[in-house]
PDB file of N, CA and C in Angstrom:
ATOM      1  N   MET A   1       0.830  -1.176   0.016  1.00  0.00           N
ATOM      2  CA  MET A   1       0.019   0.000  -0.009  1.00  0.00           C
ATOM      3  C   MET A   1       0.886   1.249  -0.005  1.00  0.00           C
ATOM      4  N   THR A   2       0.527   2.180  -0.817  1.00  0.00           N
ATOM      5  CA  THR A   2       1.329   3.418  -0.869  1.00  0.00           C
ATOM      6  C   THR A   2       0.856   4.401   0.214  1.00  0.00           C
ATOM      7  N   LYS A   3       1.705   5.366   0.488  1.00  0.00           N
ATOM      8  CA  LYS A   3       1.304   6.366   1.490  1.00  0.00           C
ATOM      9  C   LYS A   3       0.056   7.121   1.051  1.00  0.00           C
ATOM     10  N   ASP A   4      -0.068   7.340  -0.246  1.00  0.00           N
ATOM     11  CA  ASP A   4      -1.269   8.016  -0.782  1.00  0.00           C
ATOM     12  C   ASP A   4      -2.525   7.169  -0.546  1.00  0.00           C
ATOM     13  N   GLU A   5      -2.429   5.892  -0.781  1.00  0.00           N
ATOM     14  CA  GLU A   5      -3.569   5.015  -0.540  1.00  0.00           C
ATOM     15  C   GLU A   5      -3.947   4.984   0.958  1.00  0.00           C
ATOM     16  N   ILE A   6      -2.945   4.936   1.805  1.00  0.00           N
ATOM     17  CA  ILE A   6      -3.161   4.943   3.267  1.00  0.00           C
ATOM     18  C   ILE A   6      -3.883   6.220   3.638  1.00  0.00           C
ATOM     19  N   ALA A   7      -3.451   7.349   3.113  1.00  0.00           N
ATOM     20  CA  ALA A   7      -4.078   8.664   3.452  1.00  0.00           C
ATOM     21  C   ALA A   7      -5.495   8.708   2.957  1.00  0.00           C
ATOM     22  N   ARG A   8      -5.788   8.165   1.781  1.00  0.00           N
ATOM     23  CA  ARG A   8      -7.125   8.157   1.230  1.00  0.00           C
ATOM     24  C   ARG A   8      -8.038   7.220   2.033  1.00  0.00           C
ATOM     25  N   ILE A   9      -7.508   6.086   2.467  1.00  0.00           N
ATOM     26  CA  ILE A   9      -8.286   5.154   3.300  1.00  0.00           C
ATOM     27  C   ILE A   9      -8.602   5.817   4.637  1.00  0.00           C
ATOM     28  N   GLU A  10      -7.612   6.473   5.240  1.00  0.00           N
ATOM     29  CA  GLU A  10      -7.872   7.150   6.506  1.00  0.00           C
ATOM     30  C   GLU A  10      -8.971   8.224   6.362  1.00  0.00           C
ATOM     31  N   LYS A  11      -8.924   8.997   5.281  1.00  0.00           N
ATOM     32  CA  LYS A  11      -9.946  10.006   5.041  1.00  0.00           C
ATOM     33  C   LYS A  11     -11.305   9.374   4.900  1.00  0.00           C
ATOM     34  N   PHE A  12     -11.373   8.288   4.158  1.00  0.00           N
ATOM     35  CA  PHE A  12     -12.630   7.594   3.918  1.00  0.00           C
ATOM     36  C   PHE A  12     -13.205   7.015   5.258  1.00  0.00           C
ATOM     37  N   LEU A  13     -12.361   6.371   6.066  1.00  0.00           N
ATOM     38  CA  LEU A  13     -12.833   5.833   7.341  1.00  0.00           C
ATOM     39  C   LEU A  13     -13.284   6.941   8.297  1.00  0.00           C
ATOM     40  N   ARG A  14     -12.538   8.018   8.333  1.00  0.00           N
ATOM     41  CA  ARG A  14     -12.944   9.147   9.190  1.00  0.00           C
ATOM     42  C   ARG A  14     -14.327   9.657   8.835  1.00  0.00           C
ATOM     43  N   LYS A  15     -14.508   9.837   7.527  1.00  0.00           N
ATOM     44  CA  LYS A  15     -15.822  10.357   7.050  1.00  0.00           C
ATOM     45  C   LYS A  15     -16.925   9.318   7.222  1.00  0.00           C
ATOM     46  N   THR A  16     -16.705   8.095   6.842  1.00  0.00           N
ATOM     47  CA  THR A  16     -17.732   7.078   6.921  1.00  0.00           C
ATOM     48  C   THR A  16     -18.144   6.723   8.318  1.00  0.00           C
ATOM     49  N   LEU A  17     -17.175   6.600   9.203  1.00  0.00           N
ATOM     50  CA  LEU A  17     -17.423   6.261  10.604  1.00  0.00           C
ATOM     51  C   LEU A  17     -17.582   7.491  11.522  1.00  0.00           C
ATOM     52  N   GLN A  18     -17.551   8.630  10.916  1.00  0.00           N
ATOM     53  CA  GLN A  18     -17.713   9.914  11.633  1.00  0.00           C
ATOM     54  C   GLN A  18     -16.870  10.011  12.871  1.00  0.00           C
ATOM     55  N   SER A  19     -15.569   9.724  12.655  1.00  0.00           N
ATOM     56  CA  SER A  19     -14.607   9.769  13.787  1.00  0.00           C
ATOM     57  C   SER A  19     -13.294  10.381  13.307  1.00  0.00           C
ATOM     58  N   PRO A  20     -13.062  11.656  13.702  1.00  0.00           N
ATOM     59  CA  PRO A  20     -11.819  12.289  13.291  1.00  0.00           C
ATOM     60  C   PRO A  20     -10.553  11.754  13.980  1.00  0.00           C
ATOM     61  N   THR A  21     -10.730  10.877  15.014  1.00  0.00           N
ATOM     62  CA  THR A  21      -9.570  10.328  15.681  1.00  0.00           C
ATOM     63  C   THR A  21      -9.022   9.047  15.072  1.00  0.00           C
ATOM     64  N   ILE A  22      -9.666   8.549  13.988  1.00  0.00           N
ATOM     65  CA  ILE A  22      -9.171   7.376  13.322  1.00  0.00           C
ATOM     66  C   ILE A  22      -7.872   7.732  12.618  1.00  0.00           C
ATOM     67  N   SER A  23      -6.889   6.805  12.750  1.00  0.00           N
ATOM     68  CA  SER A  23      -5.652   6.947  11.970  1.00  0.00           C
ATOM     69  C   SER A  23      -5.296   5.607  11.357  1.00  0.00           C
ATOM     70  N   VAL A  24      -4.688   5.659  10.159  1.00  0.00           N
ATOM     71  CA  VAL A  24      -4.232   4.454   9.490  1.00  0.00           C
ATOM     72  C   VAL A  24      -2.749   4.580   9.412  1.00  0.00           C
ATOM     73  N   ARG A  25      -2.051   3.560   9.913  1.00  0.00           N
ATOM     74  CA  ARG A  25      -0.589   3.635  10.033  1.00  0.00           C
ATOM     75  C   ARG A  25       0.094   2.445   9.268  1.00  0.00           C
ATOM     76  N   VAL A  26       1.253   2.736   8.748  1.00  0.00           N
ATOM     77  CA  VAL A  26       2.077   1.714   8.063  1.00  0.00           C
ATOM     78  C   VAL A  26       2.393   0.623   9.033  1.00  0.00           C
ATOM     79  N   ARG A  27       2.374  -0.602   8.561  1.00  0.00           N
ATOM     80  CA  ARG A  27       2.769  -1.741   9.398  1.00  0.00           C
ATOM     81  C   ARG A  27       4.275  -2.029   9.193  1.00  0.00           C
ATOM     82  N   PRO A  28       5.001  -2.294  10.272  1.00  0.00           N
ATOM     83  CA  PRO A  28       6.422  -2.634  10.082  1.00  0.00           C
ATOM     84  C   PRO A  28       6.572  -3.907   9.287  1.00  0.00           C
ATOM     85  N   ARG A  29       7.425  -3.888   8.322  1.00  0.00           N
ATOM     86  CA  ARG A  29       7.779  -5.043   7.494  1.00  0.00           C
ATOM     87  C   ARG A  29       6.619  -5.601   6.683  1.00  0.00           C
ATOM     88  N   LYS A  30       5.522  -4.872   6.495  1.00  0.00           N
ATOM     89  CA  LYS A  30       4.384  -5.332   5.693  1.00  0.00           C
ATOM     90  C   LYS A  30       4.110  -4.249   4.659  1.00  0.00           C
ATOM     91  N   THR A  31       3.858  -4.660   3.407  1.00  0.00           N
ATOM     92  CA  THR A  31       3.539  -3.716   2.342  1.00  0.00           C
ATOM     93  C   THR A  31       2.140  -3.846   1.800  1.00  0.00           C
ATOM     94  N   ASP A  32       1.427  -4.907   2.253  1.00  0.00           N
ATOM     95  CA  ASP A  32       0.085  -5.172   1.710  1.00  0.00           C
ATOM     96  C   ASP A  32      -1.035  -4.829   2.694  1.00  0.00           C
ATOM     97  N   SER A  33      -0.673  -4.132   3.814  1.00  0.00           N
ATOM     98  CA  SER A  33      -1.675  -3.849   4.828  1.00  0.00           C
ATOM     99  C   SER A  33      -1.269  -2.696   5.678  1.00  0.00           C
ATOM    100  N   ALA A  34      -2.221  -2.144   6.455  1.00  0.00           N
ATOM    101  CA  ALA A  34      -1.950  -1.053   7.362  1.00  0.00           C
ATOM    102  C   ALA A  34      -2.807  -1.210   8.607  1.00  0.00           C
ATOM    103  N   GLU A  35      -2.304  -0.664   9.736  1.00  0.00           N
ATOM    104  CA  GLU A  35      -3.059  -0.801  10.968  1.00  0.00           C
ATOM    105  C   GLU A  35      -3.988   0.387  11.181  1.00  0.00           C
ATOM    106  N   VAL A  36      -5.154   0.125  11.794  1.00  0.00           N
ATOM    107  CA  VAL A  36      -6.180   1.169  12.023  1.00  0.00           C
ATOM    108  C   VAL A  36      -6.297   1.410  13.536  1.00  0.00           C
ATOM    109  N   TYR A  37      -6.263   2.674  13.959  1.00  0.00           N
ATOM    110  CA  TYR A  37      -6.354   3.044  15.344  1.00  0.00           C
ATOM    111  C   TYR A  37      -7.494   4.037  15.537  1.00  0.00           C
ATOM    112  N   VAL A  38      -8.070   4.034  16.725  1.00  0.00           N
ATOM    113  CA  VAL A  38      -8.935   5.116  17.202  1.00  0.00           C
ATOM    114  C   VAL A  38      -8.182   5.696  18.340  1.00  0.00           C
ATOM    115  N   GLY A  39      -7.698   6.947  18.196  1.00  0.00           N
ATOM    116  CA  GLY A  39      -6.780   7.495  19.182  1.00  0.00           C
ATOM    117  C   GLY A  39      -5.516   6.629  19.172  1.00  0.00           C
ATOM    118  N   GLU A  40      -5.150   6.118  20.316  1.00  0.00           N
ATOM    119  CA  GLU A  40      -3.988   5.228  20.402  1.00  0.00           C
ATOM    120  C   GLU A  40      -4.367   3.748  20.506  1.00  0.00           C
ATOM    121  N   GLU A  41      -5.662   3.444  20.407  1.00  0.00           N
ATOM    122  CA  GLU A  41      -6.132   2.097  20.522  1.00  0.00           C
ATOM    123  C   GLU A  41      -6.196   1.404  19.172  1.00  0.00           C
ATOM    124  N   PHE A  42      -5.466   0.310  19.042  1.00  0.00           N
ATOM    125  CA  PHE A  42      -5.511  -0.501  17.800  1.00  0.00           C
ATOM    126  C   PHE A  42      -6.873  -1.144  17.674  1.00  0.00           C
ATOM    127  N   ILE A  43      -7.515  -1.023  16.490  1.00  0.00           N
ATOM    128  CA  ILE A  43      -8.810  -1.621  16.289  1.00  0.00           C
ATOM    129  C   ILE A  43      -8.869  -2.637  15.158  1.00  0.00           C
ATOM    130  N   GLY A  44      -7.922  -2.625  14.234  1.00  0.00           N
ATOM    131  CA  GLY A  44      -7.978  -3.549  13.119  1.00  0.00           C
ATOM    132  C   GLY A  44      -6.950  -3.297  12.085  1.00  0.00           C
ATOM    133  N   VAL A  45      -7.070  -4.032  10.970  1.00  0.00           N
ATOM    134  CA  VAL A  45      -6.124  -3.997   9.866  1.00  0.00           C
ATOM    135  C   VAL A  45      -6.874  -3.824   8.560  1.00  0.00           C
ATOM    136  N   VAL A  46      -6.309  -3.010   7.685  1.00  0.00           N
ATOM    137  CA  VAL A  46      -6.799  -2.881   6.314  1.00  0.00           C
ATOM    138  C   VAL A  46      -5.843  -3.596   5.441  1.00  0.00           C
ATOM    139  N   TYR A  47      -6.395  -4.537   4.657  1.00  0.00           N
ATOM    140  CA  TYR A  47      -5.580  -5.360   3.720  1.00  0.00           C
ATOM    141  C   TYR A  47      -5.881  -4.932   2.294  1.00  0.00           C
ATOM    142  N   GLU A  48      -4.815  -4.910   1.466  1.00  0.00           N
ATOM    143  CA  GLU A  48      -4.966  -4.649   0.031  1.00  0.00           C
ATOM    144  C   GLU A  48      -5.291  -5.947  -0.670  1.00  0.00           C
ATOM    145  N   ASP A  49      -6.212  -5.877  -1.568  1.00  0.00           N
ATOM    146  CA  ASP A  49      -6.610  -7.047  -2.403  1.00  0.00           C
ATOM    147  C   ASP A  49      -6.597  -6.583  -3.858  1.00  0.00           C
ATOM    148  N   ASP A  50      -5.583  -7.068  -4.574  1.00  0.00           N
ATOM    149  CA  ASP A  50      -5.478  -6.673  -5.982  1.00  0.00           C
ATOM    150  C   ASP A  50      -5.529  -7.831  -6.947  1.00  0.00           C
ATOM    151  N   GLU A  51      -6.238  -8.879  -6.542  1.00  0.00           N
ATOM    152  CA  GLU A  51      -6.434 -10.051  -7.423  1.00  0.00           C
ATOM    153  C   GLU A  51      -7.392  -9.670  -8.523  1.00  0.00           C
ATOM    154  N   ASP A  52      -7.282 -10.336  -9.652  1.00  0.00           N
ATOM    155  CA  ASP A  52      -8.178 -10.230 -10.793  1.00  0.00           C
ATOM    156  C   ASP A  52      -8.258  -8.806 -11.301  1.00  0.00           C
ATOM    157  N   ASP A  53      -7.181  -8.055 -11.263  1.00  0.00           N
ATOM    158  CA  ASP A  53      -7.152  -6.665 -11.793  1.00  0.00           C
ATOM    159  C   ASP A  53      -8.210  -5.781 -11.208  1.00  0.00           C
ATOM    160  N   ASP A  54      -8.756  -6.107 -10.060  1.00  0.00           N
ATOM    161  CA  ASP A  54      -9.787  -5.321  -9.386  1.00  0.00           C
ATOM    162  C   ASP A  54      -9.286  -4.975  -7.999  1.00  0.00           C
ATOM    163  N   LYS A  55      -8.647  -3.843  -7.825  1.00  0.00           N
ATOM    164  CA  LYS A  55      -8.074  -3.472  -6.549  1.00  0.00           C
ATOM    165  C   LYS A  55      -9.160  -3.049  -5.579  1.00  0.00           C
ATOM    166  N   SER A  56      -9.072  -3.569  -4.340  1.00  0.00           N
ATOM    167  CA  SER A  56      -9.950  -3.176  -3.283  1.00  0.00           C
ATOM    168  C   SER A  56      -9.190  -3.282  -1.961  1.00  0.00           C
ATOM    169  N   PHE A  57      -9.843  -2.795  -0.882  1.00  0.00           N
ATOM    170  CA  PHE A  57      -9.254  -2.831   0.427  1.00  0.00           C
ATOM    171  C   PHE A  57     -10.284  -3.424   1.407  1.00  0.00           C
ATOM    172  N   ASN A  58      -9.785  -4.318   2.279  1.00  0.00           N
ATOM    173  CA  ASN A  58     -10.655  -4.988   3.211  1.00  0.00           C
ATOM    174  C   ASN A  58     -10.252  -4.566   4.637  1.00  0.00           C
ATOM    175  N   PHE A  59     -11.213  -4.144   5.430  1.00  0.00           N
ATOM    176  CA  PHE A  59     -10.992  -3.787   6.816  1.00  0.00           C
ATOM    177  C   PHE A  59     -11.408  -4.933   7.689  1.00  0.00           C
ATOM    178  N   GLN A  60     -10.515  -5.431   8.528  1.00  0.00           N
ATOM    179  CA  GLN A  60     -10.802  -6.541   9.417  1.00  0.00           C
ATOM    180  C   GLN A  60     -10.618  -6.068  10.877  1.00  0.00           C
ATOM    181  N   MET A  61     -11.694  -6.318  11.680  1.00  0.00           N
ATOM    182  CA  MET A  61     -11.677  -5.905  13.099  1.00  0.00           C
ATOM    183  C   MET A  61     -12.207  -7.064  13.928  1.00  0.00           C
ATOM    184  N   ALA A  62     -11.414  -7.530  14.862  1.00  0.00           N
ATOM    185  CA  ALA A  62     -11.844  -8.568  15.827  1.00  0.00           C
ATOM    186  C   ALA A  62     -12.493  -7.902  17.027  1.00  0.00           C
ATOM    187  N   ILE A  63     -13.625  -8.438  17.473  1.00  0.00           N
ATOM    188  CA  ILE A  63     -14.289  -7.954  18.662  1.00  0.00           C
ATOM    189  C   ILE A  63     -14.286  -9.123  19.667  1.00  0.00           C
ATOM    190  N   LEU A  64     -13.566  -8.974  20.723  1.00  0.00           N
ATOM    191  CA  LEU A  64     -13.469 -10.002  21.713  1.00  0.00           C
ATOM    192  C   LEU A  64     -14.699 -10.000  22.614  1.00  0.00           C
ATOM    193  N   ALA A  65     -15.088 -11.184  23.079  1.00  0.00           N
ATOM    194  CA  ALA A  65     -16.276 -11.316  23.959  1.00  0.00           C
ATOM    195  C   ALA A  65     -16.059 -10.407  25.220  1.00  0.00           C
ATOM    196  N   GLU A  66     -14.850 -10.384  25.733  1.00  0.00           N
ATOM    197  CA  GLU A  66     -14.579  -9.571  26.949  1.00  0.00           C
ATOM    198  C   GLU A  66     -14.754  -8.103  26.704  1.00  0.00           C
ATOM    199  N   ASP A  67     -14.573  -7.666  25.429  1.00  0.00           N
ATOM    200  CA  ASP A  67     -14.784  -6.270  25.085  1.00  0.00           C
ATOM    201  C   ASP A  67     -16.236  -5.820  25.109  1.00  0.00           C
ATOM    202  N   ILE A  68     -17.128  -6.803  24.886  1.00  0.00           N
ATOM    203  CA  ILE A  68     -18.582  -6.424  24.854  1.00  0.00           C
ATOM    204  C   ILE A  68     -19.314  -6.900  26.058  1.00  0.00           C
ATOM    205  N   ALA A  69     -18.572  -7.505  26.993  1.00  0.00           N
ATOM    206  CA  ALA A  69     -19.280  -8.001  28.242  1.00  0.00           C
ATOM    207  C   ALA A  69     -19.739  -6.821  29.053  1.00  0.00           C
ATOM    208  N   GLY A  70     -20.944  -6.950  29.585  1.00  0.00           N
ATOM    209  CA  GLY A  70     -21.568  -5.878  30.399  1.00  0.00           C
ATOM    210  C   GLY A  70     -20.785  -5.534  31.542  1.00  0.00           C
TER     211      GLY A  70
END
């Protein structure tokens, strides 16, 4: 993922999720993905998918049972 793509994904996520504190950061030693944070809390990973000449990006977020426990 290029720095330009990361910046555009960050802008898209901030607008779509209505959260100006979202940041998308380069992953160490990885070029096909970036980390997503809200403030300083890691929330997921965006992966690049460029198979079949159709480039897209997939956001993956795990939600642990302990995170949603009352």
